[in-house]
Amino acid sequence: MNADELLERYAHGEKDFEEVDLRGVDLSGANLTCIHFNGANLSGTNLSGASLSSAKLAGANLSDADLSQAILLSTDLRGANLSGANLGGANLSGANLSGANLSWANLIGCTLRSADLETANLEGANLQYARLIDANLTEANLDEANLNWAQLDGANLERVTMPDSVSP
């Protein structure tokens, strides 16, 4: 499936695109609110500036995808693979990222207010200036993560694996 076909079907009310293969497709700026991409292959896809609020992306492969400046409010990303993804400036407030793989992802300036990152793998992730206010990071792996200037006010940091230079 290509971007034009997906957008046309979405515009006609179709929301269920589970397990679709959209590797490397350009969907930048698209409004895909409430879309179902559970288990989909979106690796390398350009979703910069896209609106994916309340979308279902559980178990989706978003490795190396560009989600910079994307709106992902209350999005379900449980168990998703976001390794190496660019989420710079994205808004993931209220998103469920429990068990997600965000290793070596760019999360600079990302908003994760009240997000659920329980057991998420954030190894090597760049969280500079990220807003993790009231986020749940229980048992998350933050080893080698860059947390310079990150806001962690009210965040749950129980049993977190942290870089040696940072203490919870």
N, C-alpha and C. Protein backbone atom coordinates (compact mmCIF):
# COMPACT_ATOMS: atom_id res chain seq x y z
N MET A 1 0.85 -1.17 0.00
CA MET A 1 0.00 0.00 0.00
C MET A 1 0.90 1.24 0.00
N ASN A 2 0.50 2.28 -0.71
CA ASN A 2 1.26 3.51 -0.72
C ASN A 2 0.51 4.59 0.07
N ALA A 3 1.13 5.75 0.25
CA ALA A 3 0.57 6.82 1.06
C ALA A 3 -0.77 7.31 0.50
N ASP A 4 -0.85 7.49 -0.81
CA ASP A 4 -2.09 8.01 -1.41
C ASP A 4 -3.27 7.07 -1.16
N GLU A 5 -3.05 5.78 -1.32
CA GLU A 5 -4.13 4.80 -1.09
C GLU A 5 -4.57 4.83 0.36
N LEU A 6 -3.61 4.85 1.28
CA LEU A 6 -3.94 4.89 2.71
C LEU A 6 -4.75 6.13 3.04
N LEU A 7 -4.29 7.28 2.59
CA LEU A 7 -4.97 8.54 2.91
C LEU A 7 -6.36 8.60 2.31
N GLU A 8 -6.53 8.03 1.11
CA GLU A 8 -7.85 8.02 0.48
C GLU A 8 -8.81 7.12 1.27
N ARG A 9 -8.35 5.94 1.65
CA ARG A 9 -9.19 5.03 2.42
C ARG A 9 -9.52 5.61 3.79
N TYR A 10 -8.55 6.27 4.41
CA TYR A 10 -8.77 6.92 5.70
C TYR A 10 -9.80 8.04 5.56
N ALA A 11 -9.69 8.83 4.50
CA ALA A 11 -10.62 9.94 4.26
C ALA A 11 -12.05 9.44 4.07
N HIS A 12 -12.20 8.18 3.61
CA HIS A 12 -13.53 7.58 3.43
C HIS A 12 -14.00 6.83 4.67
N GLY A 13 -13.31 7.03 5.79
CA GLY A 13 -13.78 6.48 7.06
C GLY A 13 -13.11 5.20 7.52
N GLU A 14 -12.25 4.62 6.71
CA GLU A 14 -11.58 3.39 7.14
C GLU A 14 -10.50 3.75 8.16
N LYS A 15 -10.48 3.01 9.28
CA LYS A 15 -9.50 3.28 10.34
C LYS A 15 -8.61 2.08 10.62
N ASP A 16 -9.01 0.89 10.21
CA ASP A 16 -8.29 -0.33 10.58
C ASP A 16 -7.26 -0.70 9.51
N PHE A 17 -5.99 -0.45 9.86
CA PHE A 17 -4.88 -0.79 8.98
C PHE A 17 -3.86 -1.63 9.74
N GLU A 18 -4.35 -2.53 10.58
CA GLU A 18 -3.48 -3.37 11.39
C GLU A 18 -2.61 -4.24 10.49
N GLU A 19 -1.35 -4.37 10.90
CA GLU A 19 -0.34 -5.21 10.24
C GLU A 19 -0.06 -4.81 8.79
N VAL A 20 -0.41 -3.59 8.39
CA VAL A 20 -0.11 -3.11 7.05
C VAL A 20 1.39 -2.84 6.94
N ASP A 21 1.94 -2.96 5.75
CA ASP A 21 3.35 -2.68 5.51
C ASP A 21 3.47 -1.34 4.80
N LEU A 22 3.97 -0.33 5.52
CA LEU A 22 4.14 1.01 4.97
C LEU A 22 5.58 1.48 5.15
N ARG A 23 6.51 0.57 5.05
CA ARG A 23 7.93 0.92 5.22
C ARG A 23 8.32 2.07 4.30
N GLY A 24 8.96 3.09 4.89
CA GLY A 24 9.53 4.17 4.12
C GLY A 24 8.55 5.12 3.45
N VAL A 25 7.27 5.01 3.74
CA VAL A 25 6.25 5.85 3.11
C VAL A 25 6.28 7.26 3.73
N ASP A 26 5.95 8.27 2.95
CA ASP A 26 5.90 9.65 3.44
C ASP A 26 4.47 10.02 3.80
N LEU A 27 4.22 10.11 5.11
CA LEU A 27 2.91 10.52 5.62
C LEU A 27 3.06 11.79 6.47
N SER A 28 4.08 12.59 6.15
CA SER A 28 4.34 13.80 6.94
C SER A 28 3.13 14.74 6.89
N GLY A 29 2.79 15.26 8.07
CA GLY A 29 1.69 16.22 8.18
C GLY A 29 0.30 15.63 8.07
N ALA A 30 0.19 14.33 7.91
CA ALA A 30 -1.13 13.70 7.73
C ALA A 30 -1.93 13.69 9.03
N ASN A 31 -3.25 13.83 8.91
CA ASN A 31 -4.14 13.69 10.06
C ASN A 31 -4.63 12.25 10.09
N LEU A 32 -4.07 11.48 11.02
CA LEU A 32 -4.42 10.06 11.15
C LEU A 32 -4.95 9.76 12.55
N THR A 33 -5.70 10.70 13.10
CA THR A 33 -6.27 10.55 14.43
C THR A 33 -7.12 9.29 14.50
N CYS A 34 -6.94 8.53 15.57
CA CYS A 34 -7.72 7.31 15.87
C CYS A 34 -7.47 6.16 14.90
N ILE A 35 -6.43 6.23 14.09
CA ILE A 35 -6.13 5.14 13.15
C ILE A 35 -5.63 3.91 13.91
N HIS A 36 -5.83 2.74 13.36
CA HIS A 36 -5.37 1.49 13.97
C HIS A 36 -4.22 0.94 13.14
N PHE A 37 -3.02 1.02 13.71
CA PHE A 37 -1.81 0.50 13.07
C PHE A 37 -1.18 -0.59 13.93
N ASN A 38 -1.96 -1.27 14.75
CA ASN A 38 -1.39 -2.32 15.60
C ASN A 38 -0.65 -3.34 14.74
N GLY A 39 0.60 -3.62 15.15
CA GLY A 39 1.40 -4.62 14.45
C GLY A 39 1.87 -4.21 13.07
N ALA A 40 1.65 -2.97 12.67
CA ALA A 40 2.03 -2.50 11.33
C ALA A 40 3.54 -2.30 11.22
N ASN A 41 4.05 -2.39 10.01
CA ASN A 41 5.46 -2.12 9.76
C ASN A 41 5.56 -0.71 9.18
N LEU A 42 6.01 0.22 10.02
CA LEU A 42 6.16 1.61 9.65
C LEU A 42 7.62 2.04 9.77
N SER A 43 8.53 1.08 9.66
CA SER A 43 9.94 1.41 9.82
C SER A 43 10.38 2.35 8.71
N GLY A 44 11.13 3.38 9.12
CA GLY A 44 11.63 4.36 8.16
C GLY A 44 10.58 5.28 7.59
N THR A 45 9.36 5.21 8.09
CA THR A 45 8.26 6.04 7.58
C THR A 45 8.41 7.48 8.06
N ASN A 46 8.06 8.44 7.21
CA ASN A 46 8.09 9.85 7.58
C ASN A 46 6.71 10.25 8.08
N LEU A 47 6.61 10.41 9.40
CA LEU A 47 5.37 10.85 10.04
C LEU A 47 5.58 12.19 10.74
N SER A 48 6.57 12.94 10.29
CA SER A 48 6.86 14.23 10.93
C SER A 48 5.65 15.15 10.81
N GLY A 49 5.30 15.77 11.93
CA GLY A 49 4.19 16.70 11.95
C GLY A 49 2.82 16.06 11.80
N ALA A 50 2.76 14.74 11.78
CA ALA A 50 1.47 14.04 11.63
C ALA A 50 0.70 14.06 12.94
N SER A 51 -0.61 13.97 12.85
CA SER A 51 -1.47 13.85 14.02
C SER A 51 -1.91 12.40 14.16
N LEU A 52 -1.43 11.76 15.22
CA LEU A 52 -1.77 10.36 15.49
C LEU A 52 -2.41 10.24 16.87
N SER A 53 -3.09 11.27 17.33
CA SER A 53 -3.72 11.24 18.64
C SER A 53 -4.74 10.12 18.72
N SER A 54 -4.74 9.44 19.86
CA SER A 54 -5.65 8.31 20.14
C SER A 54 -5.51 7.17 19.13
N ALA A 55 -4.40 7.12 18.42
CA ALA A 55 -4.15 6.03 17.47
C ALA A 55 -3.74 4.77 18.22
N LYS A 56 -3.90 3.64 17.59
CA LYS A 56 -3.50 2.36 18.16
C LYS A 56 -2.31 1.84 17.35
N LEU A 57 -1.12 1.84 18.01
CA LEU A 57 0.11 1.41 17.37
C LEU A 57 0.80 0.34 18.21
N ALA A 58 0.04 -0.41 18.98
CA ALA A 58 0.63 -1.44 19.83
C ALA A 58 1.35 -2.47 18.97
N GLY A 59 2.59 -2.76 19.35
CA GLY A 59 3.37 -3.75 18.64
C GLY A 59 3.83 -3.33 17.26
N ALA A 60 3.63 -2.08 16.89
CA ALA A 60 4.04 -1.60 15.56
C ALA A 60 5.55 -1.43 15.48
N ASN A 61 6.09 -1.58 14.30
CA ASN A 61 7.51 -1.35 14.06
C ASN A 61 7.68 0.06 13.49
N LEU A 62 8.21 0.96 14.32
CA LEU A 62 8.46 2.33 13.93
C LEU A 62 9.95 2.64 14.02
N SER A 63 10.77 1.59 13.90
CA SER A 63 12.21 1.80 14.00
C SER A 63 12.67 2.73 12.89
N ASP A 64 13.54 3.67 13.27
CA ASP A 64 14.11 4.66 12.35
C ASP A 64 13.07 5.54 11.67
N ALA A 65 11.85 5.59 12.19
CA ALA A 65 10.81 6.45 11.63
C ALA A 65 11.04 7.90 12.08
N ASP A 66 10.55 8.85 11.29
CA ASP A 66 10.62 10.26 11.64
C ASP A 66 9.26 10.69 12.16
N LEU A 67 9.20 10.88 13.49
CA LEU A 67 7.98 11.33 14.15
C LEU A 67 8.20 12.71 14.78
N SER A 68 9.17 13.45 14.26
CA SER A 68 9.46 14.76 14.83
C SER A 68 8.23 15.67 14.70
N GLN A 69 7.97 16.39 15.78
CA GLN A 69 6.84 17.33 15.85
C GLN A 69 5.48 16.67 15.67
N ALA A 70 5.41 15.34 15.75
CA ALA A 70 4.12 14.64 15.63
C ALA A 70 3.29 14.81 16.90
N ILE A 71 1.99 14.73 16.75
CA ILE A 71 1.06 14.81 17.87
C ILE A 71 0.55 13.40 18.13
N LEU A 72 0.91 12.86 19.31
CA LEU A 72 0.57 11.48 19.65
C LEU A 72 -0.13 11.44 21.02
N LEU A 73 -1.07 12.35 21.25
CA LEU A 73 -1.76 12.43 22.52
C LEU A 73 -2.58 11.17 22.76
N SER A 74 -2.39 10.57 23.94
CA SER A 74 -3.15 9.37 24.34
C SER A 74 -3.04 8.23 23.32
N THR A 75 -1.93 8.14 22.62
CA THR A 75 -1.72 7.09 21.63
C THR A 75 -1.25 5.80 22.30
N ASP A 76 -1.72 4.67 21.83
CA ASP A 76 -1.34 3.36 22.36
C ASP A 76 -0.14 2.84 21.58
N LEU A 77 1.03 2.87 22.23
CA LEU A 77 2.27 2.39 21.63
C LEU A 77 2.87 1.26 22.46
N ARG A 78 2.02 0.50 23.16
CA ARG A 78 2.51 -0.60 23.99
C ARG A 78 3.31 -1.59 23.15
N GLY A 79 4.53 -1.87 23.61
CA GLY A 79 5.35 -2.86 22.95
C GLY A 79 5.82 -2.48 21.55
N ALA A 80 5.66 -1.22 21.17
CA ALA A 80 6.10 -0.78 19.84
C ALA A 80 7.61 -0.68 19.77
N ASN A 81 8.15 -0.87 18.58
CA ASN A 81 9.59 -0.72 18.35
C ASN A 81 9.85 0.66 17.76
N LEU A 82 10.41 1.55 18.58
CA LEU A 82 10.74 2.90 18.16
C LEU A 82 12.25 3.11 18.23
N SER A 83 13.00 2.04 18.13
CA SER A 83 14.46 2.16 18.23
C SER A 83 14.98 3.01 17.08
N GLY A 84 15.83 3.97 17.43
CA GLY A 84 16.41 4.85 16.43
C GLY A 84 15.45 5.86 15.82
N ALA A 85 14.23 5.93 16.32
CA ALA A 85 13.24 6.85 15.76
C ALA A 85 13.54 8.29 16.18
N ASN A 86 13.10 9.24 15.37
CA ASN A 86 13.23 10.66 15.68
C ASN A 86 11.90 11.16 16.19
N LEU A 87 11.83 11.41 17.52
CA LEU A 87 10.63 11.93 18.14
C LEU A 87 10.87 13.34 18.67
N GLY A 88 11.88 14.02 18.14
CA GLY A 88 12.21 15.37 18.59
C GLY A 88 11.02 16.30 18.50
N GLY A 89 10.67 16.93 19.62
CA GLY A 89 9.58 17.88 19.65
C GLY A 89 8.19 17.28 19.56
N ALA A 90 8.08 15.96 19.56
CA ALA A 90 6.76 15.30 19.49
C ALA A 90 6.02 15.46 20.82
N ASN A 91 4.71 15.41 20.77
CA ASN A 91 3.89 15.48 21.98
C ASN A 91 3.23 14.13 22.19
N LEU A 92 3.71 13.41 23.23
CA LEU A 92 3.19 12.09 23.59
C LEU A 92 2.50 12.14 24.95
N SER A 93 1.91 13.25 25.30
CA SER A 93 1.22 13.36 26.59
C SER A 93 0.13 12.30 26.68
N GLY A 94 0.15 11.58 27.80
CA GLY A 94 -0.87 10.55 28.04
C GLY A 94 -0.71 9.30 27.20
N ALA A 95 0.36 9.19 26.45
CA ALA A 95 0.57 8.01 25.60
C ALA A 95 0.96 6.80 26.44
N ASN A 96 0.61 5.62 25.97
CA ASN A 96 0.99 4.37 26.63
C ASN A 96 2.14 3.76 25.85
N LEU A 97 3.34 3.84 26.44
CA LEU A 97 4.56 3.30 25.83
C LEU A 97 5.12 2.17 26.69
N SER A 98 4.27 1.53 27.47
CA SER A 98 4.77 0.47 28.33
C SER A 98 5.34 -0.67 27.49
N GLY A 99 6.55 -1.08 27.87
CA GLY A 99 7.22 -2.16 27.15
C GLY A 99 7.74 -1.78 25.78
N ALA A 100 7.68 -0.50 25.42
CA ALA A 100 8.15 -0.06 24.10
C ALA A 100 9.67 -0.01 24.06
N ASN A 101 10.22 -0.20 22.88
CA ASN A 101 11.66 -0.11 22.67
C ASN A 101 11.97 1.25 22.05
N LEU A 102 12.57 2.14 22.86
CA LEU A 102 12.96 3.47 22.42
C LEU A 102 14.47 3.62 22.47
N SER A 103 15.17 2.50 22.35
CA SER A 103 16.62 2.55 22.44
C SER A 103 17.19 3.41 21.32
N TRP A 104 18.12 4.28 21.71
CA TRP A 104 18.83 5.17 20.80
C TRP A 104 17.91 6.08 19.99
N ALA A 105 16.71 6.33 20.52
CA ALA A 105 15.77 7.25 19.87
C ALA A 105 16.10 8.69 20.23
N ASN A 106 15.75 9.62 19.35
CA ASN A 106 15.89 11.04 19.60
C ASN A 106 14.58 11.55 20.19
N LEU A 107 14.63 11.94 21.48
CA LEU A 107 13.45 12.46 22.16
C LEU A 107 13.72 13.88 22.66
N ILE A 108 14.61 14.60 21.98
CA ILE A 108 14.96 15.95 22.41
C ILE A 108 13.72 16.85 22.37
N GLY A 109 13.42 17.48 23.51
CA GLY A 109 12.30 18.40 23.58
C GLY A 109 10.94 17.75 23.47
N CYS A 110 10.89 16.46 23.61
CA CYS A 110 9.65 15.69 23.52
C CYS A 110 8.80 15.90 24.78
N THR A 111 7.50 15.96 24.64
CA THR A 111 6.60 16.06 25.79
C THR A 111 6.00 14.69 26.07
N LEU A 112 6.29 14.19 27.28
CA LEU A 112 5.79 12.88 27.70
C LEU A 112 5.01 13.03 29.02
N ARG A 113 4.31 14.12 29.17
CA ARG A 113 3.55 14.39 30.40
C ARG A 113 2.51 13.28 30.62
N SER A 114 2.58 12.69 31.82
CA SER A 114 1.64 11.62 32.23
C SER A 114 1.68 10.41 31.30
N ALA A 115 2.77 10.23 30.57
CA ALA A 115 2.91 9.06 29.70
C ALA A 115 3.27 7.84 30.53
N ASP A 116 2.88 6.67 30.07
CA ASP A 116 3.21 5.40 30.74
C ASP A 116 4.38 4.77 30.00
N LEU A 117 5.55 4.78 30.66
CA LEU A 117 6.76 4.20 30.09
C LEU A 117 7.24 3.03 30.94
N GLU A 118 6.32 2.38 31.63
CA GLU A 118 6.69 1.25 32.48
C GLU A 118 7.37 0.17 31.66
N THR A 119 8.51 -0.28 32.13
CA THR A 119 9.36 -1.31 31.51
C THR A 119 9.84 -0.95 30.10
N ALA A 120 9.73 0.32 29.71
CA ALA A 120 10.22 0.74 28.39
C ALA A 120 11.74 0.71 28.35
N ASN A 121 12.27 0.42 27.18
CA ASN A 121 13.72 0.43 26.98
C ASN A 121 14.11 1.75 26.35
N LEU A 122 14.77 2.61 27.15
CA LEU A 122 15.22 3.92 26.70
C LEU A 122 16.75 3.97 26.69
N GLU A 123 17.37 2.82 26.54
CA GLU A 123 18.82 2.76 26.55
C GLU A 123 19.39 3.64 25.43
N GLY A 124 20.29 4.54 25.82
CA GLY A 124 20.95 5.39 24.85
C GLY A 124 20.06 6.46 24.24
N ALA A 125 18.83 6.58 24.69
CA ALA A 125 17.91 7.58 24.13
C ALA A 125 18.36 8.99 24.52
N ASN A 126 18.13 9.94 23.63
CA ASN A 126 18.47 11.33 23.91
C ASN A 126 17.21 12.04 24.40
N LEU A 127 17.16 12.26 25.72
CA LEU A 127 16.00 12.89 26.35
C LEU A 127 16.30 14.32 26.80
N GLN A 128 17.26 14.97 26.15
CA GLN A 128 17.56 16.35 26.50
C GLN A 128 16.31 17.20 26.38
N TYR A 129 16.06 17.99 27.42
CA TYR A 129 14.94 18.92 27.45
C TYR A 129 13.57 18.23 27.37
N ALA A 130 13.53 16.91 27.48
CA ALA A 130 12.24 16.19 27.45
C ALA A 130 11.44 16.53 28.71
N ARG A 131 10.14 16.59 28.55
CA ARG A 131 9.24 16.87 29.67
C ARG A 131 8.55 15.57 30.05
N LEU A 132 9.05 14.98 31.16
CA LEU A 132 8.53 13.70 31.65
C LEU A 132 7.73 13.92 32.93
N ILE A 133 7.08 15.05 33.04
CA ILE A 133 6.33 15.42 34.22
C ILE A 133 5.19 14.42 34.44
N ASP A 134 5.15 13.86 35.67
CA ASP A 134 4.13 12.88 36.07
C ASP A 134 4.14 11.61 35.22
N ALA A 135 5.23 11.33 34.52
CA ALA A 135 5.34 10.11 33.71
C ALA A 135 5.62 8.90 34.60
N ASN A 136 5.18 7.75 34.17
CA ASN A 136 5.45 6.50 34.88
C ASN A 136 6.63 5.80 34.20
N LEU A 137 7.78 5.79 34.89
CA LEU A 137 8.98 5.16 34.36
C LEU A 137 9.36 3.93 35.18
N THR A 138 8.41 3.34 35.86
CA THR A 138 8.68 2.17 36.69
C THR A 138 9.38 1.09 35.87
N GLU A 139 10.53 0.64 36.36
CA GLU A 139 11.33 -0.42 35.76
C GLU A 139 11.80 -0.11 34.34
N ALA A 140 11.81 1.16 33.96
CA ALA A 140 12.32 1.54 32.63
C ALA A 140 13.84 1.45 32.63
N ASN A 141 14.40 1.19 31.46
CA ASN A 141 15.85 1.14 31.29
C ASN A 141 16.31 2.47 30.69
N LEU A 142 17.02 3.27 31.50
CA LEU A 142 17.55 4.55 31.05
C LEU A 142 19.07 4.52 30.99
N ASP A 143 19.63 3.32 30.90
CA ASP A 143 21.08 3.18 30.85
C ASP A 143 21.62 3.89 29.60
N GLU A 144 22.65 4.69 29.78
CA GLU A 144 23.30 5.45 28.71
C GLU A 144 22.40 6.53 28.09
N ALA A 145 21.24 6.78 28.68
CA ALA A 145 20.34 7.82 28.17
C ALA A 145 20.88 9.20 28.54
N ASN A 146 20.63 10.18 27.69
CA ASN A 146 21.01 11.56 27.95
C ASN A 146 19.80 12.26 28.56
N LEU A 147 19.90 12.58 29.86
CA LEU A 147 18.80 13.22 30.57
C LEU A 147 19.12 14.68 30.91
N ASN A 148 20.09 15.28 30.25
CA ASN A 148 20.44 16.67 30.53
C ASN A 148 19.23 17.57 30.32
N TRP A 149 18.92 18.35 31.35
CA TRP A 149 17.84 19.33 31.34
C TRP A 149 16.45 18.70 31.16
N ALA A 150 16.33 17.40 31.36
CA ALA A 150 15.01 16.77 31.30
C ALA A 150 14.21 17.14 32.55
N GLN A 151 12.92 17.31 32.41
CA GLN A 151 12.04 17.63 33.53
C GLN A 151 11.39 16.33 33.99
N LEU A 152 11.68 15.95 35.25
CA LEU A 152 11.18 14.69 35.80
C LEU A 152 10.27 14.93 37.00
N ASP A 153 9.73 16.14 37.14
CA ASP A 153 8.87 16.47 38.28
C ASP A 153 7.69 15.52 38.36
N GLY A 154 7.54 14.88 39.52
CA GLY A 154 6.42 13.97 39.74
C GLY A 154 6.51 12.65 39.02
N ALA A 155 7.61 12.39 38.33
CA ALA A 155 7.75 11.12 37.59
C ALA A 155 7.98 9.97 38.56
N ASN A 156 7.43 8.82 38.25
CA ASN A 156 7.64 7.62 39.05
C ASN A 156 8.90 6.93 38.53
N LEU A 157 9.94 6.91 39.36
CA LEU A 157 11.23 6.35 38.96
C LEU A 157 11.57 5.08 39.75
N GLU A 158 10.55 4.36 40.20
CA GLU A 158 10.79 3.13 40.95
C GLU A 158 11.50 2.08 40.10
N ARG A 159 12.56 1.52 40.65
CA ARG A 159 13.32 0.42 40.04
C ARG A 159 13.79 0.74 38.62
N VAL A 160 14.13 2.02 38.38
CA VAL A 160 14.64 2.45 37.09
C VAL A 160 16.12 2.16 36.99
N THR A 161 16.56 1.70 35.83
CA THR A 161 17.99 1.56 35.56
C THR A 161 18.44 2.89 34.98
N MET A 162 19.33 3.58 35.72
CA MET A 162 19.76 4.92 35.34
C MET A 162 21.24 4.93 34.96
N PRO A 163 21.66 5.96 34.21
CA PRO A 163 23.08 6.13 33.94
C PRO A 163 23.83 6.34 35.26
N ASP A 164 25.08 5.95 35.32
CA ASP A 164 25.87 6.06 36.53
C ASP A 164 25.94 7.49 37.04
N SER A 165 25.91 8.47 36.15
CA SER A 165 26.07 9.86 36.55
C SER A 165 24.79 10.52 37.06
N VAL A 166 23.67 9.79 37.03
CA VAL A 166 22.39 10.35 37.47
C VAL A 166 21.81 9.48 38.56
N SER A 167 21.21 10.11 39.55
CA SER A 167 20.53 9.34 40.58
C SER A 167 19.09 9.80 40.63
N PRO A 168 18.17 8.86 40.85
CA PRO A 168 16.75 9.22 40.83
C PRO A 168 16.34 10.13 41.97
